[in-house]
Protein backbone atom coordinates (compact mmCIF):
# COMPACT_ATOMS: atom_id res chain seq x y z
CA MET A 1 -3.68 11.63 -4.46
CA GLU A 2 -6.39 9.04 -4.71
CA ARG A 3 -6.45 5.87 -2.52
CA THR A 4 -7.15 3.92 -5.76
CA ASP A 5 -3.95 5.12 -7.34
CA LEU A 6 -2.05 3.98 -4.13
CA ILE A 7 -3.90 0.44 -4.41
CA ARG A 8 -3.21 0.19 -8.10
CA GLU A 9 0.58 0.95 -7.63
CA CYS A 10 1.08 -1.57 -4.63
CA LEU A 11 -0.76 -4.25 -6.79
CA SER A 12 1.42 -3.29 -9.58
CA ASP A 13 4.53 -3.71 -7.30
CA PHE A 14 3.54 -7.39 -6.62
CA ASP A 15 2.51 -8.04 -10.06
CA VAL A 16 -1.12 -8.80 -9.06
CA GLU A 17 -3.21 -9.08 -12.38
CA ASN A 18 -6.04 -11.08 -11.47
CA SER A 19 -9.15 -9.88 -9.99
CA ILE A 20 -8.79 -9.00 -6.23
CA GLU A 21 -11.35 -7.21 -3.93
CA ILE A 22 -9.96 -4.86 -1.38
CA HIS A 23 -12.01 -3.03 1.33
CA SER A 24 -10.73 -0.02 3.12
CA VAL A 25 -12.49 1.69 6.04
CA THR A 26 -11.01 4.90 7.82
CA ASP A 27 -12.09 7.36 10.24
CA LEU A 28 -9.17 9.80 9.04
CA SER A 29 -9.54 11.51 5.71
CA GLY A 30 -6.52 11.65 3.30
CA GLY A 31 -4.56 14.84 3.02
CA THR A 32 -4.73 15.41 6.83
CA GLY A 33 -0.94 15.23 7.26
CA MET A 34 -1.38 12.48 9.92
CA GLY A 35 0.56 9.97 7.71
CA SER A 36 -2.59 7.83 6.95
CA SER A 37 -1.56 7.17 3.41
CA GLY A 38 1.84 5.88 4.35
CA ALA A 39 0.24 3.57 7.06
CA PHE A 40 -2.26 2.46 4.63
CA CYS A 41 0.55 1.73 1.90
CA VAL A 42 2.58 -0.17 4.56
CA GLU A 43 -0.46 -2.51 5.55
CA LEU A 44 -1.42 -3.09 1.95
CA LEU A 45 1.98 -4.11 1.17
CA ASN A 46 2.05 -6.33 4.15
CA VAL A 47 -1.13 -7.86 3.04
CA LEU A 48 0.05 -8.59 -0.44
CA CYS A 49 3.20 -10.24 1.03
CA THR A 50 0.80 -12.58 2.71
CA TYR A 51 -1.48 -12.87 -0.52
CA ARG A 52 1.90 -13.86 -2.39
CA ASP A 53 3.34 -15.93 0.50
CA LEU A 54 6.30 -13.84 0.83
CA THR A 55 7.94 -12.38 4.14
CA LEU A 56 9.37 -8.96 4.36
CA GLY A 57 10.78 -7.19 7.44
CA ARG A 58 9.53 -3.85 8.73
CA ILE A 59 12.33 -1.94 7.27
CA GLU A 60 11.91 -3.47 3.63
CA LEU A 61 8.17 -2.81 4.09
CA ALA A 62 8.93 0.70 4.96
CA GLU A 63 11.23 1.28 2.22
CA ARG A 64 8.93 -0.24 -0.51
CA ALA A 65 6.11 2.07 0.81
CA PHE A 66 8.39 5.08 0.75
CA GLU A 67 9.29 4.46 -2.81
CA ILE A 68 5.58 4.09 -3.87
CA GLU A 69 3.65 6.74 -1.96
CA PRO A 70 5.94 9.87 -2.31
CA ASN A 71 8.02 8.87 -5.39
CA ARG A 72 5.66 7.17 -7.80
CA LEU A 73 2.40 9.10 -7.03
């Protein structure tokens, strides 16, 4: 899975269609089994909630991330 695929799915989940710039810096490579993709997905969803002026609880963020990362990609 490419990180861009994950970003695209998260943006789609929040109906973001206009131009938006996202920067991601990590010390941990994807595919290490350390959960970095899941953590990235949760935080990106959290940022998009702020962008859309929405408030989601931790459980709902985790559930949405779980729907996106292992199920759609």
